[in-house]
Amino acid sequence: LHKRKKRGKFSAIGPLALWHACQSIVKDD
């Protein structure tokens, strides 16, 4: 249930937001 909701959210934010999230993780590392 939660997975489906998350997937929809990701689709809404788009790849740009996803890239930003990846950058944030890399920066945190």
N, C-alpha and C. Protein backbone atom coordinates (compact mmCIF):
# COMPACT_ATOMS: atom_id res chain seq x y z
N LEU A 1 0.84 -1.19 0.00
CA LEU A 1 0.00 0.00 0.00
C LEU A 1 0.89 1.26 0.00
N HIS A 2 1.82 1.29 0.94
CA HIS A 2 2.69 2.48 1.02
C HIS A 2 3.57 2.59 -0.22
N LYS A 3 4.00 1.43 -0.70
CA LYS A 3 4.88 1.44 -1.87
C LYS A 3 4.18 2.11 -3.06
N ARG A 4 2.90 1.74 -3.24
CA ARG A 4 2.16 2.28 -4.37
C ARG A 4 2.05 3.81 -4.25
N LYS A 5 1.81 4.28 -3.04
CA LYS A 5 1.66 5.72 -2.82
C LYS A 5 2.99 6.42 -3.11
N LYS A 6 4.06 5.83 -2.66
CA LYS A 6 5.38 6.41 -2.87
C LYS A 6 5.68 6.50 -4.37
N ARG A 7 5.33 5.44 -5.06
CA ARG A 7 5.60 5.40 -6.49
C ARG A 7 4.88 6.57 -7.19
N GLY A 8 3.64 6.80 -6.78
CA GLY A 8 2.85 7.88 -7.38
C GLY A 8 3.50 9.22 -7.09
N LYS A 9 4.01 9.35 -5.88
CA LYS A 9 4.65 10.60 -5.49
C LYS A 9 5.89 10.83 -6.36
N PHE A 10 6.66 9.78 -6.54
CA PHE A 10 7.87 9.89 -7.34
C PHE A 10 7.54 10.33 -8.76
N SER A 11 6.46 9.76 -9.28
CA SER A 11 6.04 10.09 -10.63
C SER A 11 5.65 11.57 -10.71
N ALA A 12 5.10 12.06 -9.61
CA ALA A 12 4.64 13.45 -9.59
C ALA A 12 5.83 14.41 -9.52
N ILE A 13 6.81 14.08 -8.67
CA ILE A 13 7.96 14.96 -8.51
C ILE A 13 8.82 14.96 -9.77
N GLY A 14 8.88 13.82 -10.44
CA GLY A 14 9.66 13.75 -11.66
C GLY A 14 11.10 13.33 -11.40
N PRO A 15 11.86 13.13 -12.47
CA PRO A 15 13.26 12.67 -12.38
C PRO A 15 14.18 13.73 -11.77
N LEU A 16 13.83 15.00 -11.96
CA LEU A 16 14.68 16.08 -11.43
C LEU A 16 14.76 15.96 -9.92
N ALA A 17 13.61 15.81 -9.28
CA ALA A 17 13.59 15.68 -7.82
C ALA A 17 14.35 14.43 -7.41
N LEU A 18 14.19 13.37 -8.19
CA LEU A 18 14.87 12.12 -7.87
C LEU A 18 16.38 12.33 -7.92
N TRP A 19 16.83 13.09 -8.91
CA TRP A 19 18.26 13.36 -9.06
C TRP A 19 18.75 14.16 -7.86
N HIS A 20 17.95 15.14 -7.45
CA HIS A 20 18.30 15.96 -6.29
C HIS A 20 18.45 15.08 -5.05
N ALA A 21 17.54 14.12 -4.92
CA ALA A 21 17.58 13.22 -3.77
C ALA A 21 18.88 12.42 -3.79
N CYS A 22 19.26 11.96 -4.98
CA CYS A 22 20.49 11.18 -5.13
C CYS A 22 21.68 12.04 -4.73
N GLN A 23 21.69 13.28 -5.18
CA GLN A 23 22.79 14.20 -4.86
C GLN A 23 22.87 14.40 -3.35
N SER A 24 21.70 14.51 -2.71
CA SER A 24 21.66 14.72 -1.27
C SER A 24 22.29 13.54 -0.55
N ILE A 25 21.99 12.34 -1.05
CA ILE A 25 22.52 11.13 -0.41
C ILE A 25 24.04 11.10 -0.59
N VAL A 26 24.49 11.43 -1.77
CA VAL A 26 25.94 11.42 -2.06
C VAL A 26 26.63 12.45 -1.17
N LYS A 27 26.01 13.60 -1.03
CA LYS A 27 26.59 14.67 -0.20
C LYS A 27 26.66 14.20 1.25
N ASP A 28 25.62 13.50 1.69
CA ASP A 28 25.57 13.02 3.07
C ASP A 28 26.71 12.04 3.31
N ASP A 29 27.06 11.29 2.28
CA ASP A 29 28.12 10.31 2.38
C ASP A 29 29.44 11.08 2.42
